[in-house]
């Protein structure tokens, strides 16, 4: 899937020092969990994401030109017990998830993954 990257992000990526981040949106019956790889709260596209710092990692994002299924892996460690409780108590398979990429100095973002939750360990 081709996508455009906002000019502000392209410009920021050309700087000597940058602070890139990922933001994750996971939709459960009991509500949507929004987390990002920075500290404190961050508003992205009108929604508040909770900062997790290094407790959230994102891996395995692949771009494909064909219709093949590609996935991504999220790892949460040392996370608040209320979030773990939601993940353990609610059905998650087939629920929507998306991953955004951005740079902290810029308000724009790029959606790098949109799909359905599959397995949780």
PDB file of N, CA and C in Angstrom:
ATOM      1  N   UNK A   1       0.845  -1.169   0.000  1.00  0.00           N
ATOM      2  CA  UNK A   1       0.000   0.000   0.000  1.00  0.00           C
ATOM      3  C   UNK A   1       0.891   1.233   0.000  1.00  0.00           C
ATOM      4  N   UNK A   2       0.741   2.069  -0.978  1.00  0.00           N
ATOM      5  CA  UNK A   2       1.553   3.278  -0.983  1.00  0.00           C
ATOM      6  C   UNK A   2       0.887   4.332  -0.110  1.00  0.00           C
ATOM      7  N   UNK A   3       1.697   5.156   0.478  1.00  0.00           N
ATOM      8  CA  UNK A   3       1.175   6.211   1.337  1.00  0.00           C
ATOM      9  C   UNK A   3       2.071   7.422   1.201  1.00  0.00           C
ATOM     10  N   UNK A   4       1.514   8.545   1.501  1.00  0.00           N
ATOM     11  CA  UNK A   4       2.328   9.751   1.461  1.00  0.00           C
ATOM     12  C   UNK A   4       2.766  10.088   2.887  1.00  0.00           C
ATOM     13  N   UNK A   5       3.954  10.637   2.979  1.00  0.00           N
ATOM     14  CA  UNK A   5       4.483  11.059   4.268  1.00  0.00           C
ATOM     15  C   UNK A   5       4.395  12.576   4.299  1.00  0.00           C
ATOM     16  N   UNK A   6       3.750  13.122   5.330  1.00  0.00           N
ATOM     17  CA  UNK A   6       3.622  14.579   5.409  1.00  0.00           C
ATOM     18  C   UNK A   6       4.984  15.268   5.332  1.00  0.00           C
ATOM     19  N   UNK A   7       5.021  16.401   4.657  1.00  0.00           N
ATOM     20  CA  UNK A   7       6.263  17.148   4.452  1.00  0.00           C
ATOM     21  C   UNK A   7       6.954  17.489   5.765  1.00  0.00           C
ATOM     22  N   UNK A   8       6.176  17.782   6.812  1.00  0.00           N
ATOM     23  CA  UNK A   8       6.773  18.134   8.104  1.00  0.00           C
ATOM     24  C   UNK A   8       7.572  16.969   8.687  1.00  0.00           C
ATOM     25  N   UNK A   9       7.101  15.743   8.476  1.00  0.00           N
ATOM     26  CA  UNK A   9       7.835  14.567   8.964  1.00  0.00           C
ATOM     27  C   UNK A   9       9.094  14.358   8.131  1.00  0.00           C
ATOM     28  N   UNK A  10       8.979  14.498   6.826  1.00  0.00           N
ATOM     29  CA  UNK A  10      10.150  14.351   5.951  1.00  0.00           C
ATOM     30  C   UNK A  10      11.217  15.360   6.355  1.00  0.00           C
ATOM     31  N   UNK A  11      10.828  16.591   6.592  1.00  0.00           N
ATOM     32  CA  UNK A  11      11.770  17.632   7.006  1.00  0.00           C
ATOM     33  C   UNK A  11      12.404  17.274   8.343  1.00  0.00           C
ATOM     34  N   UNK A  12      11.577  16.843   9.311  1.00  0.00           N
ATOM     35  CA  UNK A  12      12.091  16.488  10.637  1.00  0.00           C
ATOM     36  C   UNK A  12      13.071  15.328  10.565  1.00  0.00           C
ATOM     37  N   UNK A  13      12.804  14.348   9.703  1.00  0.00           N
ATOM     38  CA  UNK A  13      13.692  13.189   9.577  1.00  0.00           C
ATOM     39  C   UNK A  13      15.053  13.566   9.010  1.00  0.00           C
ATOM     40  N   UNK A  14      15.146  14.705   8.370  1.00  0.00           N
ATOM     41  CA  UNK A  14      16.417  15.173   7.828  1.00  0.00           C
ATOM     42  C   UNK A  14      17.258  15.950   8.827  1.00  0.00           C
ATOM     43  N   UNK A  15      16.730  16.182  10.016  1.00  0.00           N
ATOM     44  CA  UNK A  15      17.457  16.925  11.035  1.00  0.00           C
ATOM     45  C   UNK A  15      18.539  16.059  11.669  1.00  0.00           C
ATOM     46  N   UNK A  16      19.506  16.717  12.307  1.00  0.00           N
ATOM     47  CA  UNK A  16      20.596  15.999  12.964  1.00  0.00           C
ATOM     48  C   UNK A  16      20.100  15.158  14.133  1.00  0.00           C
ATOM     49  N   UNK A  17      19.182  15.695  14.902  1.00  0.00           N
ATOM     50  CA  UNK A  17      18.620  14.971  16.043  1.00  0.00           C
ATOM     51  C   UNK A  17      17.109  14.931  15.899  1.00  0.00           C
ATOM     52  N   UNK A  18      16.556  13.743  16.085  1.00  0.00           N
ATOM     53  CA  UNK A  18      15.103  13.591  16.033  1.00  0.00           C
ATOM     54  C   UNK A  18      14.655  12.672  17.161  1.00  0.00           C
ATOM     55  N   UNK A  19      13.376  12.753  17.480  1.00  0.00           N
ATOM     56  CA  UNK A  19      12.775  11.873  18.479  1.00  0.00           C
ATOM     57  C   UNK A  19      11.565  11.190  17.851  1.00  0.00           C
ATOM     58  N   UNK A  20      11.802  10.076  17.140  1.00  0.00           N
ATOM     59  CA  UNK A  20      10.681   9.364  16.528  1.00  0.00           C
ATOM     60  C   UNK A  20       9.888   8.600  17.590  1.00  0.00           C
ATOM     61  N   UNK A  21       8.631   8.297  17.283  1.00  0.00           N
ATOM     62  CA  UNK A  21       7.812   7.520  18.207  1.00  0.00           C
ATOM     63  C   UNK A  21       6.822   6.664  17.434  1.00  0.00           C
ATOM     64  N   UNK A  22       6.308   5.660  18.119  1.00  0.00           N
ATOM     65  CA  UNK A  22       5.176   4.879  17.642  1.00  0.00           C
ATOM     66  C   UNK A  22       4.020   5.114  18.591  1.00  0.00           C
ATOM     67  N   UNK A  23       2.820   5.084  18.055  1.00  0.00           N
ATOM     68  CA  UNK A  23       1.600   5.147  18.862  1.00  0.00           C
ATOM     69  C   UNK A  23       0.732   3.967  18.443  1.00  0.00           C
ATOM     70  N   UNK A  24       0.085   3.351  19.422  1.00  0.00           N
ATOM     71  CA  UNK A  24      -0.689   2.143  19.192  1.00  0.00           C
ATOM     72  C   UNK A  24      -2.111   2.354  19.687  1.00  0.00           C
ATOM     73  N   UNK A  25      -3.066   1.938  18.872  1.00  0.00           N
ATOM     74  CA  UNK A  25      -4.474   2.011  19.241  1.00  0.00           C
ATOM     75  C   UNK A  25      -5.054   0.598  19.176  1.00  0.00           C
ATOM     76  N   UNK A  26      -5.530   0.086  20.308  1.00  0.00           N
ATOM     77  CA  UNK A  26      -6.086  -1.261  20.398  1.00  0.00           C
ATOM     78  C   UNK A  26      -7.536  -1.158  20.841  1.00  0.00           C
ATOM     79  N   UNK A  27      -8.453  -1.699  20.056  1.00  0.00           N
ATOM     80  CA  UNK A  27      -9.880  -1.571  20.351  1.00  0.00           C
ATOM     81  C   UNK A  27     -10.431  -2.840  20.997  1.00  0.00           C
ATOM     82  N   UNK A  28     -10.926  -2.698  22.218  1.00  0.00           N
ATOM     83  CA  UNK A  28     -11.551  -3.779  22.965  1.00  0.00           C
ATOM     84  C   UNK A  28     -13.015  -3.412  23.210  1.00  0.00           C
ATOM     85  N   UNK A  29     -13.834  -4.403  23.599  1.00  0.00           N
ATOM     86  CA  UNK A  29     -15.232  -4.121  23.931  1.00  0.00           C
ATOM     87  C   UNK A  29     -15.340  -3.089  25.049  1.00  0.00           C
ATOM     88  N   UNK A  30     -14.459  -3.197  26.036  1.00  0.00           N
ATOM     89  CA  UNK A  30     -14.507  -2.302  27.189  1.00  0.00           C
ATOM     90  C   UNK A  30     -13.928  -0.926  26.941  1.00  0.00           C
ATOM     91  N   UNK A  31     -13.420  -0.682  25.759  1.00  0.00           N
ATOM     92  CA  UNK A  31     -12.856   0.624  25.436  1.00  0.00           C
ATOM     93  C   UNK A  31     -11.587   0.497  24.619  1.00  0.00           C
ATOM     94  N   UNK A  32     -11.134   1.605  24.139  1.00  0.00           N
ATOM     95  CA  UNK A  32      -9.940   1.656  23.311  1.00  0.00           C
ATOM     96  C   UNK A  32      -8.744   2.020  24.169  1.00  0.00           C
ATOM     97  N   UNK A  33      -7.660   1.283  23.990  1.00  0.00           N
ATOM     98  CA  UNK A  33      -6.409   1.585  24.679  1.00  0.00           C
ATOM     99  C   UNK A  33      -5.495   2.270  23.685  1.00  0.00           C
ATOM    100  N   UNK A  34      -4.980   3.434  24.078  1.00  0.00           N
ATOM    101  CA  UNK A  34      -4.065   4.192  23.222  1.00  0.00           C
ATOM    102  C   UNK A  34      -2.777   4.444  23.992  1.00  0.00           C
ATOM    103  N   UNK A  35      -1.678   3.957  23.436  1.00  0.00           N
ATOM    104  CA  UNK A  35      -0.369   4.075  24.067  1.00  0.00           C
ATOM    105  C   UNK A  35       0.631   4.630  23.063  1.00  0.00           C
ATOM    106  N   UNK A  36       1.670   5.296  23.574  1.00  0.00           N
ATOM    107  CA  UNK A  36       2.737   5.749  22.688  1.00  0.00           C
ATOM    108  C   UNK A  36       4.080   5.545  23.367  1.00  0.00           C
ATOM    109  N   UNK A  37       5.152   5.548  22.605  1.00  0.00           N
ATOM    110  CA  UNK A  37       6.476   5.200  23.108  1.00  0.00           C
ATOM    111  C   UNK A  37       7.224   6.374  23.725  1.00  0.00           C
ATOM    112  N   UNK A  38       6.515   7.405  24.097  1.00  0.00           N
ATOM    113  CA  UNK A  38       7.128   8.549  24.773  1.00  0.00           C
ATOM    114  C   UNK A  38       6.676   8.615  26.218  1.00  0.00           C
ATOM    115  N   UNK A  39       6.846   9.779  26.828  1.00  0.00           N
ATOM    116  CA  UNK A  39       6.495   9.975  28.228  1.00  0.00           C
ATOM    117  C   UNK A  39       5.379  10.994  28.350  1.00  0.00           C
ATOM    118  N   UNK A  40       4.481  10.782  29.302  1.00  0.00           N
ATOM    119  CA  UNK A  40       3.349  11.674  29.503  1.00  0.00           C
ATOM    120  C   UNK A  40       2.273  11.410  28.464  1.00  0.00           C
ATOM    121  N   UNK A  41       1.241  12.211  28.501  1.00  0.00           N
ATOM    122  CA  UNK A  41       0.161  12.081  27.530  1.00  0.00           C
ATOM    123  C   UNK A  41       0.512  12.841  26.256  1.00  0.00           C
ATOM    124  N   UNK A  42       0.023  12.338  25.118  1.00  0.00           N
ATOM    125  CA  UNK A  42       0.217  13.012  23.830  1.00  0.00           C
ATOM    126  C   UNK A  42      -1.084  12.927  23.055  1.00  0.00           C
ATOM    127  N   UNK A  43      -1.525  14.041  22.530  1.00  0.00           N
ATOM    128  CA  UNK A  43      -2.738  14.073  21.721  1.00  0.00           C
ATOM    129  C   UNK A  43      -2.333  13.896  20.255  1.00  0.00           C
ATOM    130  N   UNK A  44      -2.923  12.870  19.635  1.00  0.00           N
ATOM    131  CA  UNK A  44      -2.661  12.569  18.231  1.00  0.00           C
ATOM    132  C   UNK A  44      -4.006  12.439  17.546  1.00  0.00           C
ATOM    133  N   UNK A  45      -4.229  13.244  16.537  1.00  0.00           N
ATOM    134  CA  UNK A  45      -5.480  13.188  15.778  1.00  0.00           C
ATOM    135  C   UNK A  45      -6.696  13.328  16.696  1.00  0.00           C
ATOM    136  N   UNK A  46      -6.568  14.174  17.715  1.00  0.00           N
ATOM    137  CA  UNK A  46      -7.674  14.450  18.626  1.00  0.00           C
ATOM    138  C   UNK A  46      -7.876  13.420  19.729  1.00  0.00           C
ATOM    139  N   UNK A  47      -7.035  12.396  19.801  1.00  0.00           N
ATOM    140  CA  UNK A  47      -7.156  11.346  20.819  1.00  0.00           C
ATOM    141  C   UNK A  47      -5.933  11.381  21.739  1.00  0.00           C
ATOM    142  N   UNK A  48      -6.149  11.101  23.031  1.00  0.00           N
ATOM    143  CA  UNK A  48      -5.058  11.110  23.995  1.00  0.00           C
ATOM    144  C   UNK A  48      -4.431   9.723  24.107  1.00  0.00           C
ATOM    145  N   UNK A  49      -3.125   9.667  23.941  1.00  0.00           N
ATOM    146  CA  UNK A  49      -2.345   8.445  24.055  1.00  0.00           C
ATOM    147  C   UNK A  49      -1.518   8.526  25.339  1.00  0.00           C
ATOM    148  N   UNK A  50      -1.439   7.436  26.079  1.00  0.00           N
ATOM    149  CA  UNK A  50      -0.702   7.377  27.332  1.00  0.00           C
ATOM    150  C   UNK A  50       0.739   6.984  27.040  1.00  0.00           C
ATOM    151  N   UNK A  51       1.662   7.726  27.605  1.00  0.00           N
ATOM    152  CA  UNK A  51       3.078   7.437  27.404  1.00  0.00           C
ATOM    153  C   UNK A  51       3.524   6.202  28.156  1.00  0.00           C
ATOM    154  N   UNK A  52       4.285   5.356  27.489  1.00  0.00           N
ATOM    155  CA  UNK A  52       4.807   4.131  28.100  1.00  0.00           C
ATOM    156  C   UNK A  52       6.324   4.113  28.124  1.00  0.00           C
ATOM    157  N   UNK A  53       6.953   5.100  27.521  1.00  0.00           N
ATOM    158  CA  UNK A  53       8.411   5.115  27.456  1.00  0.00           C
ATOM    159  C   UNK A  53       8.923   3.868  26.763  1.00  0.00           C
ATOM    160  N   UNK A  54       9.891   3.218  27.371  1.00  0.00           N
ATOM    161  CA  UNK A  54      10.493   2.025  26.772  1.00  0.00           C
ATOM    162  C   UNK A  54       9.705   0.755  27.091  1.00  0.00           C
ATOM    163  N   UNK A  55       8.556   0.853  27.750  1.00  0.00           N
ATOM    164  CA  UNK A  55       7.758  -0.323  28.087  1.00  0.00           C
ATOM    165  C   UNK A  55       6.990  -0.871  26.894  1.00  0.00           C
ATOM    166  N   UNK A  56       6.879  -0.094  25.838  1.00  0.00           N
ATOM    167  CA  UNK A  56       6.193  -0.513  24.612  1.00  0.00           C
ATOM    168  C   UNK A  56       7.217  -0.575  23.489  1.00  0.00           C
ATOM    169  N   UNK A  57       7.232  -1.699  22.791  1.00  0.00           N
ATOM    170  CA  UNK A  57       8.085  -1.780  21.600  1.00  0.00           C
ATOM    171  C   UNK A  57       7.267  -2.312  20.432  1.00  0.00           C
ATOM    172  N   UNK A  58       7.636  -1.865  19.245  1.00  0.00           N
ATOM    173  CA  UNK A  58       6.944  -2.225  18.007  1.00  0.00           C
ATOM    174  C   UNK A  58       7.978  -2.839  17.076  1.00  0.00           C
ATOM    175  N   UNK A  59       7.632  -3.981  16.468  1.00  0.00           N
ATOM    176  CA  UNK A  59       8.573  -4.659  15.571  1.00  0.00           C
ATOM    177  C   UNK A  59       7.815  -5.337  14.438  1.00  0.00           C
ATOM    178  N   UNK A  60       8.532  -5.651  13.378  1.00  0.00           N
ATOM    179  CA  UNK A  60       7.994  -6.480  12.308  1.00  0.00           C
ATOM    180  C   UNK A  60       7.060  -5.795  11.334  1.00  0.00           C
ATOM    181  N   UNK A  61       7.061  -4.487  11.282  1.00  0.00           N
ATOM    182  CA  UNK A  61       6.191  -3.796  10.335  1.00  0.00           C
ATOM    183  C   UNK A  61       6.794  -3.941   8.942  1.00  0.00           C
ATOM    184  N   UNK A  62       5.995  -4.450   8.002  1.00  0.00           N
ATOM    185  CA  UNK A  62       6.452  -4.647   6.623  1.00  0.00           C
ATOM    186  C   UNK A  62       5.467  -4.005   5.660  1.00  0.00           C
ATOM    187  N   UNK A  63       5.974  -3.495   4.580  1.00  0.00           N
ATOM    188  CA  UNK A  63       5.161  -2.921   3.510  1.00  0.00           C
ATOM    189  C   UNK A  63       5.070  -3.944   2.385  1.00  0.00           C
ATOM    190  N   UNK A  64       3.876  -4.129   1.825  1.00  0.00           N
ATOM    191  CA  UNK A  64       3.700  -5.090   0.725  1.00  0.00           C
ATOM    192  C   UNK A  64       2.872  -4.461  -0.377  1.00  0.00           C
ATOM    193  N   UNK A  65       3.288  -4.675  -1.611  1.00  0.00           N
ATOM    194  CA  UNK A  65       2.558  -4.132  -2.754  1.00  0.00           C
ATOM    195  C   UNK A  65       1.418  -5.051  -3.170  1.00  0.00           C
ATOM    196  N   UNK A  66       1.517  -6.330  -2.813  1.00  0.00           N
ATOM    197  CA  UNK A  66       0.454  -7.267  -3.183  1.00  0.00           C
ATOM    198  C   UNK A  66      -0.580  -7.365  -2.053  1.00  0.00           C
ATOM    199  N   UNK A  67      -1.472  -8.307  -2.120  1.00  0.00           N
ATOM    200  CA  UNK A  67      -2.525  -8.445  -1.121  1.00  0.00           C
ATOM    201  C   UNK A  67      -2.148  -9.416  -0.007  1.00  0.00           C
ATOM    202  N   UNK A  68      -0.883  -9.735   0.148  1.00  0.00           N
ATOM    203  CA  UNK A  68      -0.467 -10.671   1.185  1.00  0.00           C
ATOM    204  C   UNK A  68      -0.655 -10.061   2.572  1.00  0.00           C
ATOM    205  N   UNK A  69      -0.923 -10.931   3.535  1.00  0.00           N
ATOM    206  CA  UNK A  69      -1.118 -10.485   4.914  1.00  0.00           C
ATOM    207  C   UNK A  69       0.232 -10.251   5.569  1.00  0.00           C
ATOM    208  N   UNK A  70       0.399  -9.115   6.151  1.00  0.00           N
ATOM    209  CA  UNK A  70       1.612  -8.785   6.895  1.00  0.00           C
ATOM    210  C   UNK A  70       1.183  -8.433   8.305  1.00  0.00           C
ATOM    211  N   UNK A  71       2.056  -8.655   9.247  1.00  0.00           N
ATOM    212  CA  UNK A  71       1.711  -8.383  10.637  1.00  0.00           C
ATOM    213  C   UNK A  71       2.730  -7.485  11.295  1.00  0.00           C
ATOM    214  N   UNK A  72       2.474  -7.197  12.540  1.00  0.00           N
ATOM    215  CA  UNK A  72       3.379  -6.428  13.371  1.00  0.00           C
ATOM    216  C   UNK A  72       3.311  -7.033  14.764  1.00  0.00           C
ATOM    217  N   UNK A  73       4.361  -6.860  15.528  1.00  0.00           N
ATOM    218  CA  UNK A  73       4.389  -7.377  16.891  1.00  0.00           C
ATOM    219  C   UNK A  73       4.527  -6.227  17.866  1.00  0.00           C
ATOM    220  N   UNK A  74       3.712  -6.266  18.905  1.00  0.00           N
ATOM    221  CA  UNK A  74       3.777  -5.286  19.977  1.00  0.00           C
ATOM    222  C   UNK A  74       4.197  -6.000  21.246  1.00  0.00           C
ATOM    223  N   UNK A  75       5.082  -5.395  22.002  1.00  0.00           N
ATOM    224  CA  UNK A  75       5.493  -5.953  23.282  1.00  0.00           C
ATOM    225  C   UNK A  75       5.279  -4.901  24.354  1.00  0.00           C
ATOM    226  N   UNK A  76       4.513  -5.264  25.367  1.00  0.00           N
ATOM    227  CA  UNK A  76       4.287  -4.401  26.516  1.00  0.00           C
ATOM    228  C   UNK A  76       4.897  -5.075  27.733  1.00  0.00           C
ATOM    229  N   UNK A  77       5.709  -4.347  28.473  1.00  0.00           N
ATOM    230  CA  UNK A  77       6.288  -4.916  29.683  1.00  0.00           C
ATOM    231  C   UNK A  77       6.157  -3.911  30.820  1.00  0.00           C
ATOM    232  N   UNK A  78       5.914  -4.414  32.014  1.00  0.00           N
ATOM    233  CA  UNK A  78       5.798  -3.539  33.182  1.00  0.00           C
ATOM    234  C   UNK A  78       4.644  -2.563  33.081  1.00  0.00           C
ATOM    235  N   UNK A  79       3.594  -2.955  32.370  1.00  0.00           N
ATOM    236  CA  UNK A  79       2.486  -2.050  32.097  1.00  0.00           C
ATOM    237  C   UNK A  79       1.487  -2.053  33.261  1.00  0.00           C
ATOM    238  N   UNK A  80       0.708  -1.012  33.388  1.00  0.00           N
ATOM    239  CA  UNK A  80      -0.301  -0.875  34.437  1.00  0.00           C
ATOM    240  C   UNK A  80      -1.226  -2.090  34.468  1.00  0.00           C
ATOM    241  N   UNK A  81      -1.521  -2.590  35.657  1.00  0.00           N
ATOM    242  CA  UNK A  81      -2.315  -3.805  35.827  1.00  0.00           C
ATOM    243  C   UNK A  81      -3.713  -3.677  35.219  1.00  0.00           C
ATOM    244  N   UNK A  82      -4.289  -2.476  35.180  1.00  0.00           N
ATOM    245  CA  UNK A  82      -5.635  -2.310  34.606  1.00  0.00           C
ATOM    246  C   UNK A  82      -5.631  -2.591  33.102  1.00  0.00           C
ATOM    247  N   UNK A  83      -4.534  -2.271  32.428  1.00  0.00           N
ATOM    248  CA  UNK A  83      -4.427  -2.554  30.998  1.00  0.00           C
ATOM    249  C   UNK A  83      -4.245  -4.054  30.780  1.00  0.00           C
ATOM    250  N   UNK A  84      -3.421  -4.679  31.592  1.00  0.00           N
ATOM    251  CA  UNK A  84      -3.228  -6.126  31.498  1.00  0.00           C
ATOM    252  C   UNK A  84      -4.555  -6.841  31.738  1.00  0.00           C
ATOM    253  N   UNK A  85      -5.328  -6.361  32.687  1.00  0.00           N
ATOM    254  CA  UNK A  85      -6.622  -6.963  33.006  1.00  0.00           C
ATOM    255  C   UNK A  85      -7.564  -6.933  31.806  1.00  0.00           C
ATOM    256  N   UNK A  86      -7.609  -5.831  31.097  1.00  0.00           N
ATOM    257  CA  UNK A  86      -8.451  -5.735  29.903  1.00  0.00           C
ATOM    258  C   UNK A  86      -8.013  -6.766  28.876  1.00  0.00           C
ATOM    259  N   UNK A  87      -6.719  -6.854  28.674  1.00  0.00           N
ATOM    260  CA  UNK A  87      -6.197  -7.788  27.674  1.00  0.00           C
ATOM    261  C   UNK A  87      -6.504  -9.235  28.032  1.00  0.00           C
ATOM    262  N   UNK A  88      -6.474  -9.560  29.313  1.00  0.00           N
ATOM    263  CA  UNK A  88      -6.700 -10.941  29.739  1.00  0.00           C
ATOM    264  C   UNK A  88      -8.177 -11.320  29.806  1.00  0.00           C
ATOM    265  N   UNK A  89      -9.044 -10.361  30.090  1.00  0.00           N
ATOM    266  CA  UNK A  89     -10.452 -10.669  30.326  1.00  0.00           C
ATOM    267  C   UNK A  89     -11.342 -10.547  29.096  1.00  0.00           C
ATOM    268  N   UNK A  90     -10.921  -9.808  28.119  1.00  0.00           N
ATOM    269  CA  UNK A  90     -11.784  -9.563  26.964  1.00  0.00           C
ATOM    270  C   UNK A  90     -11.302 -10.325  25.734  1.00  0.00           C
ATOM    271  N   UNK A  91     -12.247 -10.724  24.882  1.00  0.00           N
ATOM    272  CA  UNK A  91     -11.836 -11.318  23.616  1.00  0.00           C
ATOM    273  C   UNK A  91     -11.103 -10.259  22.789  1.00  0.00           C
ATOM    274  N   UNK A  92     -10.011 -10.624  22.193  1.00  0.00           N
ATOM    275  CA  UNK A  92      -9.230  -9.649  21.430  1.00  0.00           C
ATOM    276  C   UNK A  92      -9.086 -10.045  19.966  1.00  0.00           C
ATOM    277  N   UNK A  93      -9.198 -11.335  19.658  1.00  0.00           N
ATOM    278  CA  UNK A  93      -9.010 -11.754  18.274  1.00  0.00           C
ATOM    279  C   UNK A  93     -10.045 -11.094  17.372  1.00  0.00           C
ATOM    280  N   UNK A  94      -9.558 -10.565  16.263  1.00  0.00           N
ATOM    281  CA  UNK A  94     -10.440  -9.910  15.311  1.00  0.00           C
ATOM    282  C   UNK A  94     -10.770  -8.466  15.644  1.00  0.00           C
ATOM    283  N   UNK A  95     -10.257  -7.959  16.756  1.00  0.00           N
ATOM    284  CA  UNK A  95     -10.471  -6.548  17.115  1.00  0.00           C
ATOM    285  C   UNK A  95      -9.469  -5.688  16.352  1.00  0.00           C
ATOM    286  N   UNK A  96      -9.870  -4.489  16.029  1.00  0.00           N
ATOM    287  CA  UNK A  96      -9.002  -3.628  15.222  1.00  0.00           C
ATOM    288  C   UNK A  96      -7.846  -3.040  16.039  1.00  0.00           C
ATOM    289  N   UNK A  97      -6.751  -2.844  15.342  1.00  0.00           N
ATOM    290  CA  UNK A  97      -5.553  -2.240  15.919  1.00  0.00           C
ATOM    291  C   UNK A  97      -4.886  -1.406  14.837  1.00  0.00           C
ATOM    292  N   UNK A  98      -4.223  -0.358  15.258  1.00  0.00           N
ATOM    293  CA  UNK A  98      -3.435   0.409  14.307  1.00  0.00           C
ATOM    294  C   UNK A  98      -2.202   0.955  14.979  1.00  0.00           C
ATOM    295  N   UNK A  99      -1.183   1.176  14.171  1.00  0.00           N
ATOM    296  CA  UNK A  99       0.095   1.684  14.653  1.00  0.00           C
ATOM    297  C   UNK A  99       0.440   2.924  13.841  1.00  0.00           C
ATOM    298  N   UNK A 100       0.810   3.969  14.536  1.00  0.00           N
ATOM    299  CA  UNK A 100       1.170   5.241  13.908  1.00  0.00           C
ATOM    300  C   UNK A 100       2.650   5.511  14.149  1.00  0.00           C
ATOM    301  N   UNK A 101       3.269   6.217  13.224  1.00  0.00           N
ATOM    302  CA  UNK A 101       4.651   6.660  13.370  1.00  0.00           C
ATOM    303  C   UNK A 101       4.662   8.174  13.304  1.00  0.00           C
ATOM    304  N   UNK A 102       5.469   8.780  14.154  1.00  0.00           N
ATOM    305  CA  UNK A 102       5.591  10.232  14.125  1.00  0.00           C
ATOM    306  C   UNK A 102       6.925  10.681  14.687  1.00  0.00           C
ATOM    307  N   UNK A 103       7.089  11.970  14.724  1.00  0.00           N
ATOM    308  CA  UNK A 103       8.270  12.607  15.288  1.00  0.00           C
ATOM    309  C   UNK A 103       7.765  13.605  16.316  1.00  0.00           C
ATOM    310  N   UNK A 104       8.326  13.582  17.526  1.00  0.00           N
ATOM    311  CA  UNK A 104       7.757  14.380  18.614  1.00  0.00           C
ATOM    312  C   UNK A 104       7.679  15.875  18.315  1.00  0.00           C
ATOM    313  N   UNK A 105       8.550  16.390  17.471  1.00  0.00           N
ATOM    314  CA  UNK A 105       8.558  17.824  17.178  1.00  0.00           C
ATOM    315  C   UNK A 105       7.485  18.223  16.156  1.00  0.00           C
ATOM    316  N   UNK A 106       6.739  17.245  15.633  1.00  0.00           N
ATOM    317  CA  UNK A 106       5.784  17.474  14.551  1.00  0.00           C
ATOM    318  C   UNK A 106       4.414  16.955  14.965  1.00  0.00           C
ATOM    319  N   UNK A 107       3.357  17.630  14.555  1.00  0.00           N
ATOM    320  CA  UNK A 107       2.006  17.183  14.889  1.00  0.00           C
ATOM    321  C   UNK A 107       1.469  16.128  13.930  1.00  0.00           C
ATOM    322  N   UNK A 108       2.061  15.991  12.754  1.00  0.00           N
ATOM    323  CA  UNK A 108       1.598  15.004  11.775  1.00  0.00           C
ATOM    324  C   UNK A 108       2.043  13.599  12.168  1.00  0.00           C
ATOM    325  N   UNK A 109       1.438  12.597  11.548  1.00  0.00           N
ATOM    326  CA  UNK A 109       1.802  11.204  11.769  1.00  0.00           C
ATOM    327  C   UNK A 109       1.524  10.419  10.501  1.00  0.00           C
ATOM    328  N   UNK A 110       2.024   9.181  10.460  1.00  0.00           N
ATOM    329  CA  UNK A 110       1.773   8.265   9.351  1.00  0.00           C
ATOM    330  C   UNK A 110       1.238   6.961   9.940  1.00  0.00           C
ATOM    331  N   UNK A 111       0.143   6.465   9.406  1.00  0.00           N
ATOM    332  CA  UNK A 111      -0.358   5.159   9.833  1.00  0.00           C
ATOM    333  C   UNK A 111       0.482   4.096   9.132  1.00  0.00           C
ATOM    334  N   UNK A 112       1.221   3.302   9.910  1.00  0.00           N
ATOM    335  CA  UNK A 112       2.107   2.302   9.318  1.00  0.00           C
ATOM    336  C   UNK A 112       1.522   0.896   9.402  1.00  0.00           C
ATOM    337  N   UNK A 113       0.462   0.727  10.176  1.00  0.00           N
ATOM    338  CA  UNK A 113      -0.215  -0.571  10.242  1.00  0.00           C
ATOM    339  C   UNK A 113      -1.668  -0.350  10.642  1.00  0.00           C
ATOM    340  N   UNK A 114      -2.559  -1.061   9.982  1.00  0.00           N
ATOM    341  CA  UNK A 114      -3.966  -1.122  10.379  1.00  0.00           C
ATOM    342  C   UNK A 114      -4.413  -2.549  10.109  1.00  0.00           C
ATOM    343  N   UNK A 115      -4.934  -3.188  11.103  1.00  0.00           N
ATOM    344  CA  UNK A 115      -5.340  -4.576  10.930  1.00  0.00           C
ATOM    345  C   UNK A 115      -6.099  -5.076  12.138  1.00  0.00           C
ATOM    346  N   UNK A 116      -6.074  -6.378  12.318  1.00  0.00           N
ATOM    347  CA  UNK A 116      -6.819  -7.017  13.393  1.00  0.00           C
ATOM    348  C   UNK A 116      -5.872  -7.726  14.353  1.00  0.00           C
ATOM    349  N   UNK A 117      -6.210  -7.698  15.631  1.00  0.00           N
ATOM    350  CA  UNK A 117      -5.411  -8.415  16.626  1.00  0.00           C
ATOM    351  C   UNK A 117      -5.600  -9.911  16.411  1.00  0.00           C
ATOM    352  N   UNK A 118      -4.515 -10.655  16.606  1.00  0.00           N
ATOM    353  CA  UNK A 118      -4.552 -12.080  16.347  1.00  0.00           C
ATOM    354  C   UNK A 118      -4.196 -12.898  17.578  1.00  0.00           C
ATOM    355  N   UNK A 119      -2.942 -12.925  17.959  1.00  0.00           N
ATOM    356  CA  UNK A 119      -2.536 -13.740  19.092  1.00  0.00           C
ATOM    357  C   UNK A 119      -1.892 -12.877  20.169  1.00  0.00           C
ATOM    358  N   UNK A 120      -2.044 -13.335  21.422  1.00  0.00           N
ATOM    359  CA  UNK A 120      -1.473 -12.628  22.545  1.00  0.00           C
ATOM    360  C   UNK A 120      -0.789 -13.649  23.453  1.00  0.00           C
ATOM    361  N   UNK A 121       0.442 -13.347  23.846  1.00  0.00           N
ATOM    362  CA  UNK A 121       1.140 -14.238  24.770  1.00  0.00           C
ATOM    363  C   UNK A 121       1.517 -13.475  26.024  1.00  0.00           C
TER     364      UNK A 121
END
